[in-house]
Amino acid sequence: QIIIMYAVDRVYNHYYAAMTGRMQFTN
């Protein structure tokens, strides 16, 4: 299951509902 992705200068973090709002790239 993809949970977060960085591609073409954008962060995509809506793939995994169980962690929405609880995860982020550290940087």
mmCIF file of all heavy atoms, coordinates in Angstrom:
data_MODEL
# 
_entry.id   MODEL 
# 
loop_
_atom_site.group_PDB 
_atom_site.id 
_atom_site.type_symbol 
_atom_site.label_atom_id 
_atom_site.label_alt_id 
_atom_site.label_comp_id 
_atom_site.label_asym_id 
_atom_site.label_entity_id 
_atom_site.label_seq_id 
_atom_site.pdbx_PDB_ins_code 
_atom_site.Cartn_x 
_atom_site.Cartn_y 
_atom_site.Cartn_z 
_atom_site.occupancy 
_atom_site.B_iso_or_equiv 
_atom_site.pdbx_formal_charge 
_atom_site.auth_seq_id 
_atom_site.auth_comp_id 
_atom_site.auth_asym_id 
_atom_site.auth_atom_id 
_atom_site.pdbx_PDB_model_num 
ATOM 1   N N   . GLN A 1 1  ? 0.850  -1.179 0.000   1.00 0.00 ? 1  GLN A N   1 
ATOM 2   C CA  . GLN A 1 1  ? 0.000  0.000  0.000   1.00 0.00 ? 1  GLN A CA  1 
ATOM 3   C C   . GLN A 1 1  ? 0.895  1.241  0.000   1.00 0.00 ? 1  GLN A C   1 
ATOM 4   O O   . GLN A 1 1  ? 1.690  1.421  0.921   1.00 0.00 ? 1  GLN A O   1 
ATOM 5   C CB  . GLN A 1 1  ? -0.880 -0.043 1.256   1.00 0.00 ? 1  GLN A CB  1 
ATOM 6   C CG  . GLN A 1 1  ? -1.681 1.196  1.515   1.00 0.00 ? 1  GLN A CG  1 
ATOM 7   C CD  . GLN A 1 1  ? -2.884 1.325  0.583   1.00 0.00 ? 1  GLN A CD  1 
ATOM 8   O OE1 . GLN A 1 1  ? -3.667 0.391  0.440   1.00 0.00 ? 1  GLN A OE1 1 
ATOM 9   N NE2 . GLN A 1 1  ? -3.014 2.465  -0.042  1.00 0.00 ? 1  GLN A NE2 1 
ATOM 10  N N   . ILE A 1 2  ? 0.793  2.074  -1.039  1.00 0.00 ? 2  ILE A N   1 
ATOM 11  C CA  . ILE A 1 2  ? 1.524  3.348  -1.015  1.00 0.00 ? 2  ILE A CA  1 
ATOM 12  C C   . ILE A 1 2  ? 0.890  4.205  0.072   1.00 0.00 ? 2  ILE A C   1 
ATOM 13  O O   . ILE A 1 2  ? -0.336 4.319  0.143   1.00 0.00 ? 2  ILE A O   1 
ATOM 14  C CB  . ILE A 1 2  ? 1.421  4.084  -2.372  1.00 0.00 ? 2  ILE A CB  1 
ATOM 15  C CG1 . ILE A 1 2  ? 2.137  3.302  -3.469  1.00 0.00 ? 2  ILE A CG1 1 
ATOM 16  C CG2 . ILE A 1 2  ? 2.008  5.490  -2.266  1.00 0.00 ? 2  ILE A CG2 1 
ATOM 17  C CD1 . ILE A 1 2  ? 2.024  3.918  -4.849  1.00 0.00 ? 2  ILE A CD1 1 
ATOM 18  N N   . ILE A 1 3  ? 1.724  4.792  0.945   1.00 0.00 ? 3  ILE A N   1 
ATOM 19  C CA  . ILE A 1 3  ? 1.140  5.650  1.977   1.00 0.00 ? 3  ILE A CA  1 
ATOM 20  C C   . ILE A 1 3  ? 1.445  7.127  1.749   1.00 0.00 ? 3  ILE A C   1 
ATOM 21  O O   . ILE A 1 3  ? 0.639  7.974  2.102   1.00 0.00 ? 3  ILE A O   1 
ATOM 22  C CB  . ILE A 1 3  ? 1.535  5.194  3.401   1.00 0.00 ? 3  ILE A CB  1 
ATOM 23  C CG1 . ILE A 1 3  ? 3.042  5.107  3.576   1.00 0.00 ? 3  ILE A CG1 1 
ATOM 24  C CG2 . ILE A 1 3  ? 0.883  3.873  3.740   1.00 0.00 ? 3  ILE A CG2 1 
ATOM 25  C CD1 . ILE A 1 3  ? 3.448  4.770  4.997   1.00 0.00 ? 3  ILE A CD1 1 
ATOM 26  N N   . ILE A 1 4  ? 2.591  7.437  1.145   1.00 0.00 ? 4  ILE A N   1 
ATOM 27  C CA  . ILE A 1 4  ? 2.914  8.838  0.839   1.00 0.00 ? 4  ILE A CA  1 
ATOM 28  C C   . ILE A 1 4  ? 3.940  8.838  -0.283  1.00 0.00 ? 4  ILE A C   1 
ATOM 29  O O   . ILE A 1 4  ? 4.718  7.901  -0.426  1.00 0.00 ? 4  ILE A O   1 
ATOM 30  C CB  . ILE A 1 4  ? 3.437  9.594  2.094   1.00 0.00 ? 4  ILE A CB  1 
ATOM 31  C CG1 . ILE A 1 4  ? 3.494  11.104 1.860   1.00 0.00 ? 4  ILE A CG1 1 
ATOM 32  C CG2 . ILE A 1 4  ? 4.779  9.044  2.544   1.00 0.00 ? 4  ILE A CG2 1 
ATOM 33  C CD1 . ILE A 1 4  ? 3.733  11.924 3.151   1.00 0.00 ? 4  ILE A CD1 1 
ATOM 34  N N   . MET A 1 5  ? 3.901  9.900  -1.088  1.00 0.00 ? 5  MET A N   1 
ATOM 35  C CA  . MET A 1 5  ? 4.766  9.943  -2.262  1.00 0.00 ? 5  MET A CA  1 
ATOM 36  C C   . MET A 1 5  ? 5.189  11.380 -2.537  1.00 0.00 ? 5  MET A C   1 
ATOM 37  O O   . MET A 1 5  ? 4.425  12.318 -2.268  1.00 0.00 ? 5  MET A O   1 
ATOM 38  C CB  . MET A 1 5  ? 3.936  9.429  -3.447  1.00 0.00 ? 5  MET A CB  1 
ATOM 39  C CG  . MET A 1 5  ? 4.699  8.981  -4.610  1.00 0.00 ? 5  MET A CG  1 
ATOM 40  S SD  . MET A 1 5  ? 3.520  8.078  -5.640  1.00 0.00 ? 5  MET A SD  1 
ATOM 41  C CE  . MET A 1 5  ? 3.802  8.917  -7.148  1.00 0.00 ? 5  MET A CE  1 
ATOM 42  N N   . TYR A 1 6  ? 6.408  11.528 -3.040  1.00 0.00 ? 6  TYR A N   1 
ATOM 43  C CA  . TYR A 1 6  ? 6.887  12.835 -3.509  1.00 0.00 ? 6  TYR A CA  1 
ATOM 44  C C   . TYR A 1 6  ? 7.231  12.655 -4.983  1.00 0.00 ? 6  TYR A C   1 
ATOM 45  O O   . TYR A 1 6  ? 8.028  11.784 -5.324  1.00 0.00 ? 6  TYR A O   1 
ATOM 46  C CB  . TYR A 1 6  ? 8.121  13.268 -2.717  1.00 0.00 ? 6  TYR A CB  1 
ATOM 47  C CG  . TYR A 1 6  ? 8.771  14.533 -3.232  1.00 0.00 ? 6  TYR A CG  1 
ATOM 48  C CD1 . TYR A 1 6  ? 8.347  15.782 -2.786  1.00 0.00 ? 6  TYR A CD1 1 
ATOM 49  C CD2 . TYR A 1 6  ? 9.803  14.476 -4.169  1.00 0.00 ? 6  TYR A CD2 1 
ATOM 50  C CE1 . TYR A 1 6  ? 8.936  16.945 -3.257  1.00 0.00 ? 6  TYR A CE1 1 
ATOM 51  C CE2 . TYR A 1 6  ? 10.398 15.637 -4.637  1.00 0.00 ? 6  TYR A CE2 1 
ATOM 52  C CZ  . TYR A 1 6  ? 9.962  16.868 -4.181  1.00 0.00 ? 6  TYR A CZ  1 
ATOM 53  O OH  . TYR A 1 6  ? 10.545 18.016 -4.639  1.00 0.00 ? 6  TYR A OH  1 
ATOM 54  N N   . ALA A 1 7  ? 6.602  13.444 -5.853  1.00 0.00 ? 7  ALA A N   1 
ATOM 55  C CA  . ALA A 1 7  ? 6.869  13.326 -7.287  1.00 0.00 ? 7  ALA A CA  1 
ATOM 56  C C   . ALA A 1 7  ? 6.635  14.679 -7.936  1.00 0.00 ? 7  ALA A C   1 
ATOM 57  O O   . ALA A 1 7  ? 5.666  15.374 -7.596  1.00 0.00 ? 7  ALA A O   1 
ATOM 58  C CB  . ALA A 1 7  ? 5.965  12.275 -7.924  1.00 0.00 ? 7  ALA A CB  1 
ATOM 59  N N   . VAL A 1 8  ? 7.504  15.039 -8.846  1.00 0.00 ? 8  VAL A N   1 
ATOM 60  C CA  . VAL A 1 8  ? 7.408  16.302 -9.571  1.00 0.00 ? 8  VAL A CA  1 
ATOM 61  C C   . VAL A 1 8  ? 7.131  17.457 -8.600  1.00 0.00 ? 8  VAL A C   1 
ATOM 62  O O   . VAL A 1 8  ? 6.163  18.205 -8.771  1.00 0.00 ? 8  VAL A O   1 
ATOM 63  C CB  . VAL A 1 8  ? 6.329  16.240 -10.696 1.00 0.00 ? 8  VAL A CB  1 
ATOM 64  C CG1 . VAL A 1 8  ? 6.578  17.337 -11.732 1.00 0.00 ? 8  VAL A CG1 1 
ATOM 65  C CG2 . VAL A 1 8  ? 6.327  14.893 -11.383 1.00 0.00 ? 8  VAL A CG2 1 
ATOM 66  N N   . ASP A 1 9  ? 7.986  17.556 -7.582  1.00 0.00 ? 9  ASP A N   1 
ATOM 67  C CA  . ASP A 1 9  ? 7.915  18.657 -6.613  1.00 0.00 ? 9  ASP A CA  1 
ATOM 68  C C   . ASP A 1 9  ? 6.609  18.739 -5.827  1.00 0.00 ? 9  ASP A C   1 
ATOM 69  O O   . ASP A 1 9  ? 6.281  19.790 -5.287  1.00 0.00 ? 9  ASP A O   1 
ATOM 70  C CB  . ASP A 1 9  ? 8.165  20.013 -7.313  1.00 0.00 ? 9  ASP A CB  1 
ATOM 71  C CG  . ASP A 1 9  ? 9.596  20.114 -7.816  1.00 0.00 ? 9  ASP A CG  1 
ATOM 72  O OD1 . ASP A 1 9  ? 10.456 19.397 -7.267  1.00 0.00 ? 9  ASP A OD1 1 
ATOM 73  O OD2 . ASP A 1 9  ? 9.855  20.893 -8.747  1.00 0.00 ? 9  ASP A OD2 1 
ATOM 74  N N   . ARG A 1 10 ? 5.861  17.649 -5.761  1.00 0.00 ? 10 ARG A N   1 
ATOM 75  C CA  . ARG A 1 10 ? 4.627  17.675 -4.967  1.00 0.00 ? 10 ARG A CA  1 
ATOM 76  C C   . ARG A 1 10 ? 4.560  16.469 -4.046  1.00 0.00 ? 10 ARG A C   1 
ATOM 77  O O   . ARG A 1 10 ? 5.061  15.402 -4.367  1.00 0.00 ? 10 ARG A O   1 
ATOM 78  C CB  . ARG A 1 10 ? 3.388  17.661 -5.875  1.00 0.00 ? 10 ARG A CB  1 
ATOM 79  C CG  . ARG A 1 10 ? 3.046  19.037 -6.446  1.00 0.00 ? 10 ARG A CG  1 
ATOM 80  C CD  . ARG A 1 10 ? 1.638  19.072 -7.017  1.00 0.00 ? 10 ARG A CD  1 
ATOM 81  N NE  . ARG A 1 10 ? 0.625  18.691 -6.042  1.00 0.00 ? 10 ARG A NE  1 
ATOM 82  C CZ  . ARG A 1 10 ? -0.620 18.373 -6.377  1.00 0.00 ? 10 ARG A CZ  1 
ATOM 83  N NH1 . ARG A 1 10 ? -1.003 18.360 -7.633  1.00 0.00 ? 10 ARG A NH1 1 
ATOM 84  N NH2 . ARG A 1 10 ? -1.498 18.034 -5.441  1.00 0.00 ? 10 ARG A NH2 1 
ATOM 85  N N   . VAL A 1 11 ? 3.886  16.658 -2.907  1.00 0.00 ? 11 VAL A N   1 
ATOM 86  C CA  . VAL A 1 11 ? 3.664  15.560 -1.962  1.00 0.00 ? 11 VAL A CA  1 
ATOM 87  C C   . VAL A 1 11 ? 2.237  15.047 -2.159  1.00 0.00 ? 11 VAL A C   1 
ATOM 88  O O   . VAL A 1 11 ? 1.292  15.831 -2.233  1.00 0.00 ? 11 VAL A O   1 
ATOM 89  C CB  . VAL A 1 11 ? 3.856  16.052 -0.505  1.00 0.00 ? 11 VAL A CB  1 
ATOM 90  C CG1 . VAL A 1 11 ? 3.433  14.978 0.492   1.00 0.00 ? 11 VAL A CG1 1 
ATOM 91  C CG2 . VAL A 1 11 ? 5.298  16.472 -0.263  1.00 0.00 ? 11 VAL A CG2 1 
ATOM 92  N N   . TYR A 1 12 ? 2.129  13.735 -2.256  1.00 0.00 ? 12 TYR A N   1 
ATOM 93  C CA  . TYR A 1 12 ? 0.817  13.095 -2.377  1.00 0.00 ? 12 TYR A CA  1 
ATOM 94  C C   . TYR A 1 12 ? 0.650  12.193 -1.157  1.00 0.00 ? 12 TYR A C   1 
ATOM 95  O O   . TYR A 1 12 ? 1.397  11.242 -0.982  1.00 0.00 ? 12 TYR A O   1 
ATOM 96  C CB  . TYR A 1 12 ? 0.747  12.253 -3.662  1.00 0.00 ? 12 TYR A CB  1 
ATOM 97  C CG  . TYR A 1 12 ? 0.943  13.077 -4.913  1.00 0.00 ? 12 TYR A CG  1 
ATOM 98  C CD1 . TYR A 1 12 ? 2.218  13.328 -5.402  1.00 0.00 ? 12 TYR A CD1 1 
ATOM 99  C CD2 . TYR A 1 12 ? -0.153 13.624 -5.582  1.00 0.00 ? 12 TYR A CD2 1 
ATOM 100 C CE1 . TYR A 1 12 ? 2.403  14.101 -6.545  1.00 0.00 ? 12 TYR A CE1 1 
ATOM 101 C CE2 . TYR A 1 12 ? 0.027  14.392 -6.725  1.00 0.00 ? 12 TYR A CE2 1 
ATOM 102 C CZ  . TYR A 1 12 ? 1.310  14.631 -7.204  1.00 0.00 ? 12 TYR A CZ  1 
ATOM 103 O OH  . TYR A 1 12 ? 1.491  15.394 -8.321  1.00 0.00 ? 12 TYR A OH  1 
ATOM 104 N N   . ASN A 1 13 ? -0.319 12.523 -0.308  1.00 0.00 ? 13 ASN A N   1 
ATOM 105 C CA  . ASN A 1 13 ? -0.435 11.780 0.953   1.00 0.00 ? 13 ASN A CA  1 
ATOM 106 C C   . ASN A 1 13 ? -1.870 11.342 1.239   1.00 0.00 ? 13 ASN A C   1 
ATOM 107 O O   . ASN A 1 13 ? -2.244 11.130 2.379   1.00 0.00 ? 13 ASN A O   1 
ATOM 108 C CB  . ASN A 1 13 ? 0.100  12.618 2.124   1.00 0.00 ? 13 ASN A CB  1 
ATOM 109 C CG  . ASN A 1 13 ? -0.654 13.926 2.272   1.00 0.00 ? 13 ASN A CG  1 
ATOM 110 O OD1 . ASN A 1 13 ? -1.618 14.179 1.541   1.00 0.00 ? 13 ASN A OD1 1 
ATOM 111 N ND2 . ASN A 1 13 ? -0.226 14.754 3.212   1.00 0.00 ? 13 ASN A ND2 1 
ATOM 112 N N   . HIS A 1 14 ? -2.658 11.180 0.199   1.00 0.00 ? 14 HIS A N   1 
ATOM 113 C CA  . HIS A 1 14 ? -4.068 10.824 0.395   1.00 0.00 ? 14 HIS A CA  1 
ATOM 114 C C   . HIS A 1 14 ? -4.360 9.364  0.073   1.00 0.00 ? 14 HIS A C   1 
ATOM 115 O O   . HIS A 1 14 ? -5.503 8.962  -0.033  1.00 0.00 ? 14 HIS A O   1 
ATOM 116 C CB  . HIS A 1 14 ? -4.945 11.710 -0.496  1.00 0.00 ? 14 HIS A CB  1 
ATOM 117 C CG  . HIS A 1 14 ? -4.535 11.631 -1.940  1.00 0.00 ? 14 HIS A CG  1 
ATOM 118 N ND1 . HIS A 1 14 ? -3.560 12.447 -2.462  1.00 0.00 ? 14 HIS A ND1 1 
ATOM 119 C CD2 . HIS A 1 14 ? -4.918 10.793 -2.937  1.00 0.00 ? 14 HIS A CD2 1 
ATOM 120 C CE1 . HIS A 1 14 ? -3.378 12.131 -3.740  1.00 0.00 ? 14 HIS A CE1 1 
ATOM 121 N NE2 . HIS A 1 14 ? -4.177 11.127 -4.043  1.00 0.00 ? 14 HIS A NE2 1 
ATOM 122 N N   . TYR A 1 15 ? -3.302 8.550  -0.092  1.00 0.00 ? 15 TYR A N   1 
ATOM 123 C CA  . TYR A 1 15 ? -3.516 7.165  -0.529  1.00 0.00 ? 15 TYR A CA  1 
ATOM 124 C C   . TYR A 1 15 ? -4.017 6.249  0.583   1.00 0.00 ? 15 TYR A C   1 
ATOM 125 O O   . TYR A 1 15 ? -4.647 5.246  0.325   1.00 0.00 ? 15 TYR A O   1 
ATOM 126 C CB  . TYR A 1 15 ? -2.201 6.565  -1.049  1.00 0.00 ? 15 TYR A CB  1 
ATOM 127 C CG  . TYR A 1 15 ? -1.672 7.248  -2.279  1.00 0.00 ? 15 TYR A CG  1 
ATOM 128 C CD1 . TYR A 1 15 ? -0.593 8.112  -2.189  1.00 0.00 ? 15 TYR A CD1 1 
ATOM 129 C CD2 . TYR A 1 15 ? -2.266 7.031  -3.509  1.00 0.00 ? 15 TYR A CD2 1 
ATOM 130 C CE1 . TYR A 1 15 ? -0.104 8.744  -3.327  1.00 0.00 ? 15 TYR A CE1 1 
ATOM 131 C CE2 . TYR A 1 15 ? -1.786 7.658  -4.646  1.00 0.00 ? 15 TYR A CE2 1 
ATOM 132 C CZ  . TYR A 1 15 ? -0.713 8.515  -4.549  1.00 0.00 ? 15 TYR A CZ  1 
ATOM 133 O OH  . TYR A 1 15 ? -0.237 9.138  -5.656  1.00 0.00 ? 15 TYR A OH  1 
ATOM 134 N N   . TYR A 1 16 ? -3.666 6.571  1.810   1.00 0.00 ? 16 TYR A N   1 
ATOM 135 C CA  . TYR A 1 16 ? -3.862 5.610  2.898   1.00 0.00 ? 16 TYR A CA  1 
ATOM 136 C C   . TYR A 1 16 ? -4.660 6.265  4.017   1.00 0.00 ? 16 TYR A C   1 
ATOM 137 O O   . TYR A 1 16 ? -4.114 6.933  4.878   1.00 0.00 ? 16 TYR A O   1 
ATOM 138 C CB  . TYR A 1 16 ? -2.485 5.134  3.387   1.00 0.00 ? 16 TYR A CB  1 
ATOM 139 C CG  . TYR A 1 16 ? -2.533 3.951  4.321   1.00 0.00 ? 16 TYR A CG  1 
ATOM 140 C CD1 . TYR A 1 16 ? -3.135 2.760  3.940   1.00 0.00 ? 16 TYR A CD1 1 
ATOM 141 C CD2 . TYR A 1 16 ? -1.954 4.027  5.582   1.00 0.00 ? 16 TYR A CD2 1 
ATOM 142 C CE1 . TYR A 1 16 ? -3.171 1.680  4.807   1.00 0.00 ? 16 TYR A CE1 1 
ATOM 143 C CE2 . TYR A 1 16 ? -1.986 2.943  6.443   1.00 0.00 ? 16 TYR A CE2 1 
ATOM 144 C CZ  . TYR A 1 16 ? -2.595 1.770  6.050   1.00 0.00 ? 16 TYR A CZ  1 
ATOM 145 O OH  . TYR A 1 16 ? -2.628 0.698  6.897   1.00 0.00 ? 16 TYR A OH  1 
ATOM 146 N N   . ALA A 1 17 ? -5.972 6.052  3.976   1.00 0.00 ? 17 ALA A N   1 
ATOM 147 C CA  . ALA A 1 17 ? -6.886 6.754  4.889   1.00 0.00 ? 17 ALA A CA  1 
ATOM 148 C C   . ALA A 1 17 ? -6.534 6.543  6.364   1.00 0.00 ? 17 ALA A C   1 
ATOM 149 O O   . ALA A 1 17 ? -6.689 7.445  7.176   1.00 0.00 ? 17 ALA A O   1 
ATOM 150 C CB  . ALA A 1 17 ? -8.320 6.302  4.625   1.00 0.00 ? 17 ALA A CB  1 
ATOM 151 N N   . ALA A 1 18 ? -6.018 5.348  6.703   1.00 0.00 ? 18 ALA A N   1 
ATOM 152 C CA  . ALA A 1 18 ? -5.747 5.029  8.107   1.00 0.00 ? 18 ALA A CA  1 
ATOM 153 C C   . ALA A 1 18 ? -4.708 5.978  8.714   1.00 0.00 ? 18 ALA A C   1 
ATOM 154 O O   . ALA A 1 18 ? -4.622 6.106  9.928   1.00 0.00 ? 18 ALA A O   1 
ATOM 155 C CB  . ALA A 1 18 ? -5.273 3.587  8.243   1.00 0.00 ? 18 ALA A CB  1 
ATOM 156 N N   . MET A 1 19 ? -3.900 6.629  7.855   1.00 0.00 ? 19 MET A N   1 
ATOM 157 C CA  . MET A 1 19 ? -2.856 7.517  8.381   1.00 0.00 ? 19 MET A CA  1 
ATOM 158 C C   . MET A 1 19 ? -3.037 8.969  7.963   1.00 0.00 ? 19 MET A C   1 
ATOM 159 O O   . MET A 1 19 ? -2.174 9.799  8.218   1.00 0.00 ? 19 MET A O   1 
ATOM 160 C CB  . MET A 1 19 ? -1.470 7.052  7.909   1.00 0.00 ? 19 MET A CB  1 
ATOM 161 C CG  . MET A 1 19 ? -0.939 5.904  8.694   1.00 0.00 ? 19 MET A CG  1 
ATOM 162 S SD  . MET A 1 19 ? 0.762  5.617  8.225   1.00 0.00 ? 19 MET A SD  1 
ATOM 163 C CE  . MET A 1 19 ? 1.081  4.135  9.117   1.00 0.00 ? 19 MET A CE  1 
ATOM 164 N N   . THR A 1 20 ? -4.147 9.288  7.337   1.00 0.00 ? 20 THR A N   1 
ATOM 165 C CA  . THR A 1 20 ? -4.364 10.661 6.894   1.00 0.00 ? 20 THR A CA  1 
ATOM 166 C C   . THR A 1 20 ? -4.261 11.615 8.080   1.00 0.00 ? 20 THR A C   1 
ATOM 167 O O   . THR A 1 20 ? -4.851 11.376 9.124   1.00 0.00 ? 20 THR A O   1 
ATOM 168 C CB  . THR A 1 20 ? -5.750 10.798 6.209   1.00 0.00 ? 20 THR A CB  1 
ATOM 169 O OG1 . THR A 1 20 ? -5.776 9.938  5.084   1.00 0.00 ? 20 THR A OG1 1 
ATOM 170 C CG2 . THR A 1 20 ? -6.002 12.218 5.750   1.00 0.00 ? 20 THR A CG2 1 
ATOM 171 N N   . GLY A 1 21 ? -3.470 12.656 7.911   1.00 0.00 ? 21 GLY A N   1 
ATOM 172 C CA  . GLY A 1 21 ? -3.296 13.645 8.977   1.00 0.00 ? 21 GLY A CA  1 
ATOM 173 C C   . GLY A 1 21 ? -2.301 13.228 10.046  1.00 0.00 ? 21 GLY A C   1 
ATOM 174 O O   . GLY A 1 21 ? -2.007 13.998 10.946  1.00 0.00 ? 21 GLY A O   1 
ATOM 175 N N   . ARG A 1 22 ? -1.775 11.990 9.960   1.00 0.00 ? 22 ARG A N   1 
ATOM 176 C CA  . ARG A 1 22 ? -0.826 11.534 10.982  1.00 0.00 ? 22 ARG A CA  1 
ATOM 177 C C   . ARG A 1 22 ? 0.565  11.285 10.425  1.00 0.00 ? 22 ARG A C   1 
ATOM 178 O O   . ARG A 1 22 ? 1.432  10.783 11.113  1.00 0.00 ? 22 ARG A O   1 
ATOM 179 C CB  . ARG A 1 22 ? -1.325 10.238 11.642  1.00 0.00 ? 22 ARG A CB  1 
ATOM 180 C CG  . ARG A 1 22 ? -2.592 10.402 12.441  1.00 0.00 ? 22 ARG A CG  1 
ATOM 181 C CD  . ARG A 1 22 ? -2.871 9.195  13.315  1.00 0.00 ? 22 ARG A CD  1 
ATOM 182 N NE  . ARG A 1 22 ? -3.054 7.959  12.572  1.00 0.00 ? 22 ARG A NE  1 
ATOM 183 C CZ  . ARG A 1 22 ? -2.255 6.897  12.691  1.00 0.00 ? 22 ARG A CZ  1 
ATOM 184 N NH1 . ARG A 1 22 ? -1.224 6.909  13.505  1.00 0.00 ? 22 ARG A NH1 1 
ATOM 185 N NH2 . ARG A 1 22 ? -2.499 5.799  11.984  1.00 0.00 ? 22 ARG A NH2 1 
ATOM 186 N N   . MET A 1 23 ? 0.773  11.601 9.148   1.00 0.00 ? 23 MET A N   1 
ATOM 187 C CA  . MET A 1 23 ? 2.110  11.351 8.586   1.00 0.00 ? 23 MET A CA  1 
ATOM 188 C C   . MET A 1 23 ? 2.526  12.487 7.685   1.00 0.00 ? 23 MET A C   1 
ATOM 189 O O   . MET A 1 23 ? 1.700  13.198 7.104   1.00 0.00 ? 23 MET A O   1 
ATOM 190 C CB  . MET A 1 23 ? 2.121  10.043 7.823   1.00 0.00 ? 23 MET A CB  1 
ATOM 191 C CG  . MET A 1 23 ? 1.132  10.084 6.714   1.00 0.00 ? 23 MET A CG  1 
ATOM 192 S SD  . MET A 1 23 ? 1.332  8.798  5.558   1.00 0.00 ? 23 MET A SD  1 
ATOM 193 C CE  . MET A 1 23 ? -0.123 9.110  4.583   1.00 0.00 ? 23 MET A CE  1 
ATOM 194 N N   . GLN A 1 24 ? 3.838  12.662 7.578   1.00 0.00 ? 24 GLN A N   1 
ATOM 195 C CA  . GLN A 1 24 ? 4.386  13.721 6.731   1.00 0.00 ? 24 GLN A CA  1 
ATOM 196 C C   . GLN A 1 24 ? 5.850  13.421 6.479   1.00 0.00 ? 24 GLN A C   1 
ATOM 197 O O   . GLN A 1 24 ? 6.482  12.707 7.253   1.00 0.00 ? 24 GLN A O   1 
ATOM 198 C CB  . GLN A 1 24 ? 4.256  15.077 7.440   1.00 0.00 ? 24 GLN A CB  1 
ATOM 199 C CG  . GLN A 1 24 ? 5.083  15.142 8.713   1.00 0.00 ? 24 GLN A CG  1 
ATOM 200 C CD  . GLN A 1 24 ? 4.562  16.114 9.757   1.00 0.00 ? 24 GLN A CD  1 
ATOM 201 O OE1 . GLN A 1 24 ? 3.381  16.437 9.773   1.00 0.00 ? 24 GLN A OE1 1 
ATOM 202 N NE2 . GLN A 1 24 ? 5.434  16.572 10.619  1.00 0.00 ? 24 GLN A NE2 1 
ATOM 203 N N   . PHE A 1 25 ? 6.377  13.973 5.371   1.00 0.00 ? 25 PHE A N   1 
ATOM 204 C CA  . PHE A 1 25 ? 7.820  13.914 5.183   1.00 0.00 ? 25 PHE A CA  1 
ATOM 205 C C   . PHE A 1 25 ? 8.447  14.767 6.268   1.00 0.00 ? 25 PHE A C   1 
ATOM 206 O O   . PHE A 1 25 ? 7.956  15.858 6.591   1.00 0.00 ? 25 PHE A O   1 
ATOM 207 C CB  . PHE A 1 25 ? 8.216  14.433 3.794   1.00 0.00 ? 25 PHE A CB  1 
ATOM 208 C CG  . PHE A 1 25 ? 7.992  13.422 2.698   1.00 0.00 ? 25 PHE A CG  1 
ATOM 209 C CD1 . PHE A 1 25 ? 6.951  13.561 1.801   1.00 0.00 ? 25 PHE A CD1 1 
ATOM 210 C CD2 . PHE A 1 25 ? 8.839  12.326 2.566   1.00 0.00 ? 25 PHE A CD2 1 
ATOM 211 C CE1 . PHE A 1 25 ? 6.750  12.628 0.790   1.00 0.00 ? 25 PHE A CE1 1 
ATOM 212 C CE2 . PHE A 1 25 ? 8.648  11.385 1.560   1.00 0.00 ? 25 PHE A CE2 1 
ATOM 213 C CZ  . PHE A 1 25 ? 7.597  11.542 0.668   1.00 0.00 ? 25 PHE A CZ  1 
ATOM 214 N N   . THR A 1 26 ? 9.526  14.276 6.871   1.00 0.00 ? 26 THR A N   1 
ATOM 215 C CA  . THR A 1 26 ? 10.212 15.001 7.949   1.00 0.00 ? 26 THR A CA  1 
ATOM 216 C C   . THR A 1 26 ? 10.702 16.349 7.438   1.00 0.00 ? 26 THR A C   1 
ATOM 217 O O   . THR A 1 26 ? 10.610 17.362 8.128   1.00 0.00 ? 26 THR A O   1 
ATOM 218 C CB  . THR A 1 26 ? 11.407 14.152 8.447   1.00 0.00 ? 26 THR A CB  1 
ATOM 219 O OG1 . THR A 1 26 ? 10.927 12.857 8.796   1.00 0.00 ? 26 THR A OG1 1 
ATOM 220 C CG2 . THR A 1 26 ? 12.087 14.780 9.648   1.00 0.00 ? 26 THR A CG2 1 
ATOM 221 N N   . ASN A 1 27 ? 11.220 16.347 6.209   1.00 0.00 ? 27 ASN A N   1 
ATOM 222 C CA  . ASN A 1 27 ? 11.769 17.558 5.609   1.00 0.00 ? 27 ASN A CA  1 
ATOM 223 C C   . ASN A 1 27 ? 10.753 18.133 4.628   1.00 0.00 ? 27 ASN A C   1 
ATOM 224 O O   . ASN A 1 27 ? 10.202 17.408 3.805   1.00 0.00 ? 27 ASN A O   1 
ATOM 225 C CB  . ASN A 1 27 ? 13.071 17.193 4.873   1.00 0.00 ? 27 ASN A CB  1 
ATOM 226 C CG  . ASN A 1 27 ? 13.881 18.403 4.496   1.00 0.00 ? 27 ASN A CG  1 
ATOM 227 O OD1 . ASN A 1 27 ? 13.363 19.378 3.964   1.00 0.00 ? 27 ASN A OD1 1 
ATOM 228 N ND2 . ASN A 1 27 ? 15.174 18.333 4.759   1.00 0.00 ? 27 ASN A ND2 1 
# 
